């Protein structure tokens, strides 16, 4: 439908194959869930996938798929939150965890999962840009009342999220307008180390990639990068 450039499609396929953690950001009705479903269907059939949502929307056809849906309060049943479902999923040997939307305190539980080896995860978040998505994610973690400095939370996010894909609705079309590789967090500058791997060029009126097929370093395999922040997040659980 023209939502994706061919080079960006290649990059996203590579990111899924290499088990990068991808966060899809955008406004309401931009197609975040549709893009997430398309990426999730690239997961190999032999992998065990857990999909966790408030309301079931993600469409995936895989042989080893477990779909969990939150439940509101009922007269005869206790409510079950997305946070509780994320914690429960970790006890069932998931190869991939997909959270329909990062909202509120569930961000902390997802961040814990990403920081403890559950790579190749997918989720969405409401945000106006890729950088805004990082701020939203950090603010959602704070809603869990976790006793960590804001910089430590942002450092843990940088350790966990590899790629942010921004999708927008323009003139009636859904377009992926930006892809940002998260390469780390600079504590001295108090800012993320970001690399734009797919910008929308206003001059040409179309897409271009700055480095076709380029992905961020595998930060989760680099044990020398800010281990204090990772252990701090885990110990706070």
Protein backbone atom coordinates (compact mmCIF):
# COMPACT_ATOMS: atom_id res chain seq x y z
CA UNK A 1 0.00 0.00 0.00
CA UNK A 2 3.03 2.27 -0.18
CA UNK A 3 3.50 2.65 3.57
CA UNK A 4 7.06 1.30 3.52
CA UNK A 5 10.12 2.01 1.44
CA UNK A 6 11.87 -1.12 0.11
CA UNK A 7 15.12 -0.34 1.95
CA UNK A 8 13.26 0.15 5.21
CA UNK A 9 11.41 -3.13 4.69
CA UNK A 10 14.77 -4.85 4.30
CA UNK A 11 16.03 -3.22 7.51
CA UNK A 12 12.94 -4.26 9.48
CA UNK A 13 13.16 -7.84 8.22
CA UNK A 14 16.81 -7.90 9.29
CA UNK A 15 15.92 -6.46 12.69
CA UNK A 16 13.32 -9.18 13.24
CA UNK A 17 15.73 -11.92 12.14
CA UNK A 18 18.41 -10.60 14.51
CA UNK A 19 15.92 -10.41 17.41
CA UNK A 20 16.09 -6.66 17.88
CA UNK A 21 13.60 -5.08 20.27
CA UNK A 22 11.37 -2.77 18.25
CA UNK A 23 9.06 -0.04 19.53
CA UNK A 24 6.46 1.28 17.06
CA UNK A 25 5.29 4.81 17.84
CA UNK A 26 2.59 7.02 16.39
CA UNK A 27 -0.77 8.64 17.00
CA UNK A 28 -4.22 7.09 17.13
CA UNK A 29 -5.27 5.44 13.87
CA UNK A 30 -1.86 5.62 12.24
CA UNK A 31 -1.53 1.84 11.82
CA UNK A 32 0.77 0.89 14.70
CA UNK A 33 -1.04 -2.39 15.38
CA UNK A 34 -1.18 -3.25 11.67
CA UNK A 35 2.57 -2.76 11.32
CA UNK A 36 3.22 -4.72 14.51
CA UNK A 37 1.11 -7.63 13.22
CA UNK A 38 3.00 -7.64 9.92
CA UNK A 39 6.36 -7.75 11.71
CA UNK A 40 5.20 -10.39 14.17
CA UNK A 41 4.25 -12.69 11.31
CA UNK A 42 7.95 -12.70 10.31
CA UNK A 43 8.82 -14.57 13.52
CA UNK A 44 9.93 -18.17 12.79
CA UNK A 45 7.28 -20.82 13.38
CA UNK A 46 9.39 -22.72 15.92
CA UNK A 47 9.43 -19.80 18.37
CA UNK A 48 7.00 -19.49 21.27
CA UNK A 49 5.19 -16.15 21.13
CA UNK A 50 3.22 -14.47 23.91
CA UNK A 51 0.87 -11.66 22.88
CA UNK A 52 -0.45 -9.49 25.72
CA UNK A 53 -3.17 -6.88 25.13
CA UNK A 54 -5.88 -4.86 26.83
CA UNK A 55 -8.21 -5.69 23.95
CA UNK A 56 -7.41 -8.36 21.38
CA UNK A 57 -6.42 -6.64 18.12
CA UNK A 58 -3.11 -8.12 16.96
CA UNK A 59 -3.54 -10.62 14.13
CA UNK A 60 -0.85 -13.33 14.10
CA UNK A 61 -0.96 -16.80 12.61
CA UNK A 62 1.69 -18.97 14.26
CA UNK A 63 1.68 -22.58 15.55
CA UNK A 64 3.08 -21.79 19.03
CA UNK A 65 1.11 -18.68 19.94
CA UNK A 66 -0.30 -17.76 23.36
CA UNK A 67 -2.65 -14.76 23.44
CA UNK A 68 -3.45 -13.14 26.78
CA UNK A 69 -6.07 -10.45 27.22
CA UNK A 70 -6.60 -8.25 30.26
CA UNK A 71 -9.90 -8.51 32.12
CA UNK A 72 -11.74 -5.68 33.79
CA UNK A 73 -13.58 -6.02 37.11
CA UNK A 74 -16.62 -8.30 37.08
CA UNK A 75 -19.09 -9.21 39.82
CA UNK A 76 -17.83 -12.79 40.03
CA UNK A 77 -14.23 -12.42 38.86
CA UNK A 78 -11.17 -10.47 39.91
CA UNK A 79 -9.64 -8.10 37.32
CA UNK A 80 -6.46 -9.18 35.53
CA UNK A 81 -4.17 -6.37 34.43
CA UNK A 82 -1.65 -6.27 31.59
CA UNK A 83 1.10 -5.95 34.22
CA UNK A 84 0.02 -9.25 35.79
CA UNK A 85 -0.09 -10.90 32.37
CA UNK A 86 3.46 -9.75 31.53
CA UNK A 87 4.72 -11.22 34.81
CA UNK A 88 2.83 -14.45 34.18
CA UNK A 89 4.20 -14.74 30.64
CA UNK A 90 7.78 -14.70 31.93
CA UNK A 91 7.11 -17.98 33.76
CA UNK A 92 6.13 -19.80 30.56
CA UNK A 93 9.37 -19.79 28.57
CA UNK A 94 8.47 -17.19 25.93
CA UNK A 95 10.83 -16.76 22.99
CA UNK A 96 9.16 -13.46 22.12
CA UNK A 97 6.93 -11.15 24.10
CA UNK A 98 4.58 -8.79 22.28
CA UNK A 99 2.78 -6.13 24.31
CA UNK A 100 0.02 -4.46 22.33
CA UNK A 101 0.65 -1.02 23.82
CA UNK A 102 3.02 0.46 26.39
CA UNK A 103 0.76 2.36 28.73
CA UNK A 104 1.37 3.35 32.34
CA UNK A 105 3.23 1.16 34.80
CA UNK A 106 3.33 -1.87 32.48
CA UNK A 107 6.36 -0.16 30.89
CA UNK A 108 8.43 -1.14 33.95
CA UNK A 109 7.51 -4.82 33.68
CA UNK A 110 8.22 -4.85 29.96
CA UNK A 111 11.55 -3.13 30.57
CA UNK A 112 12.43 -5.79 33.13
CA UNK A 113 11.65 -8.51 30.59
CA UNK A 114 13.80 -6.84 27.93
CA UNK A 115 16.64 -6.42 30.41
CA UNK A 116 16.62 -10.10 31.35
CA UNK A 117 17.23 -11.63 27.94
CA UNK A 118 13.82 -11.60 26.23
CA UNK A 119 15.04 -10.23 22.94
CA UNK A 120 13.08 -9.81 19.74
CA UNK A 121 10.13 -8.17 21.47
CA UNK A 122 7.61 -5.82 19.87
CA UNK A 123 5.34 -3.17 21.28
CA UNK A 124 3.64 0.12 20.39
CA UNK A 125 3.37 3.48 22.14
CA UNK A 126 1.45 6.70 21.50
CA UNK A 127 3.97 9.40 20.53
CA UNK A 128 4.43 12.22 18.03
CA UNK A 129 8.03 11.29 17.16
CA UNK A 130 10.64 8.65 17.86
CA UNK A 131 12.36 10.85 20.46
CA UNK A 132 9.00 11.59 22.07
CA UNK A 133 8.41 7.82 22.27
CA UNK A 134 11.51 7.50 24.47
CA UNK A 135 10.23 10.22 26.80
CA UNK A 136 6.80 8.60 26.98
CA UNK A 137 8.33 5.22 27.77
CA UNK A 138 10.45 6.67 30.60
CA UNK A 139 7.47 8.56 32.04
CA UNK A 140 5.39 5.37 31.96
CA UNK A 141 8.10 3.55 33.93
CA UNK A 142 7.91 6.28 36.58
CA UNK A 143 4.20 5.51 37.03
CA UNK A 144 5.20 2.17 38.58
CA UNK A 145 6.78 4.11 41.51
CA UNK A 146 10.10 2.40 40.87
CA UNK A 147 12.81 3.80 43.15
CA UNK A 148 15.38 4.65 40.49
CA UNK A 149 16.81 7.94 39.21
CA UNK A 150 15.32 9.19 35.96
CA UNK A 151 18.70 8.93 34.24
CA UNK A 152 19.02 5.28 35.32
CA UNK A 153 15.61 4.50 33.83
CA UNK A 154 16.58 6.16 30.55
CA UNK A 155 19.87 4.24 30.55
CA UNK A 156 17.99 0.96 30.97
CA UNK A 157 15.66 1.89 28.11
CA UNK A 158 18.70 2.54 25.91
CA UNK A 159 20.01 -0.91 26.84
CA UNK A 160 16.72 -2.54 25.90
CA UNK A 161 15.16 -0.81 22.88
CA UNK A 162 17.12 -1.20 19.65
CA UNK A 163 14.87 0.42 17.08
CA UNK A 164 12.01 2.92 17.14
CA UNK A 165 9.75 3.10 14.09
CA UNK A 166 7.55 6.17 13.75
CA UNK A 167 4.36 5.87 11.71
CA UNK A 168 2.07 8.77 10.77
CA UNK A 169 -1.08 9.48 8.83
CA UNK A 170 -0.56 12.05 6.07
CA UNK A 171 -3.17 13.07 3.51
CA UNK A 172 -5.13 9.91 4.15
CA UNK A 173 -2.12 7.58 3.86
CA UNK A 174 -0.32 5.70 6.60
CA UNK A 175 3.42 6.22 6.21
CA UNK A 176 6.46 5.10 8.16
CA UNK A 177 8.29 8.42 8.38
CA UNK A 178 11.22 7.71 10.66
CA UNK A 179 13.35 4.90 12.05
CA UNK A 180 15.75 5.62 14.90
CA UNK A 181 18.47 3.27 16.15
CA UNK A 182 19.07 3.58 19.89
CA UNK A 183 22.80 3.08 20.41
CA UNK A 184 23.10 3.94 24.09
CA UNK A 185 22.70 6.66 26.69
CA UNK A 186 25.30 9.34 27.39
CA UNK A 187 25.15 9.99 31.13
CA UNK A 188 27.45 13.01 30.87
CA UNK A 189 25.20 14.71 28.32
CA UNK A 190 22.07 13.23 29.91
CA UNK A 191 20.75 12.24 26.51
CA UNK A 192 20.27 9.22 24.28
CA UNK A 193 22.77 8.31 21.59
CA UNK A 194 20.46 8.06 18.58
CA UNK A 195 21.09 7.45 14.90
CA UNK A 196 18.46 8.16 12.28
CA UNK A 197 18.57 5.23 9.88
CA UNK A 198 15.48 6.21 7.92
CA UNK A 199 14.40 9.86 7.56
CA UNK A 200 11.72 11.29 5.31
CA UNK A 201 13.37 13.77 2.97
CA UNK A 202 11.23 16.87 2.53
CA UNK A 203 13.44 18.01 -0.37
CA UNK A 204 12.83 15.00 -2.58
CA UNK A 205 9.28 14.44 -1.43
CA UNK A 206 10.02 10.76 -0.76
CA UNK A 207 11.94 8.40 1.42
CA UNK A 208 15.68 7.94 1.67
CA UNK A 209 17.87 5.94 4.02
CA UNK A 210 21.06 7.35 5.44
CA UNK A 211 22.64 3.92 5.83
CA UNK A 212 20.63 1.19 4.08
CA UNK A 213 20.35 -2.00 6.09
CA UNK A 214 22.22 -0.51 9.04
CA UNK A 215 21.20 -1.60 12.52
CA UNK A 216 22.42 -0.52 15.98
CA UNK A 217 25.08 -2.51 17.86
CA UNK A 218 23.84 -5.50 19.81
CA UNK A 219 23.93 -3.63 23.09
CA UNK A 220 22.26 -6.41 25.07
CA UNK A 221 25.23 -8.67 24.32
CA UNK A 222 27.77 -6.05 25.39
CA UNK A 223 28.11 -6.71 29.11
CA UNK A 224 30.55 -3.84 29.52
CA UNK A 225 27.91 -1.18 28.81
CA UNK A 226 26.40 0.27 31.99
CA UNK A 227 25.88 -2.96 33.95
CA UNK A 228 25.07 -0.89 37.04
CA UNK A 229 21.91 0.44 35.47
CA UNK A 230 20.72 -2.99 34.45
CA UNK A 231 21.31 -4.57 37.84
CA UNK A 232 19.64 -1.61 39.55
CA UNK A 233 16.46 -2.14 37.56
CA UNK A 234 16.42 -5.84 38.25
CA UNK A 235 17.11 -5.43 41.97
CA UNK A 236 14.22 -2.99 42.34
CA UNK A 237 11.67 -5.62 41.31
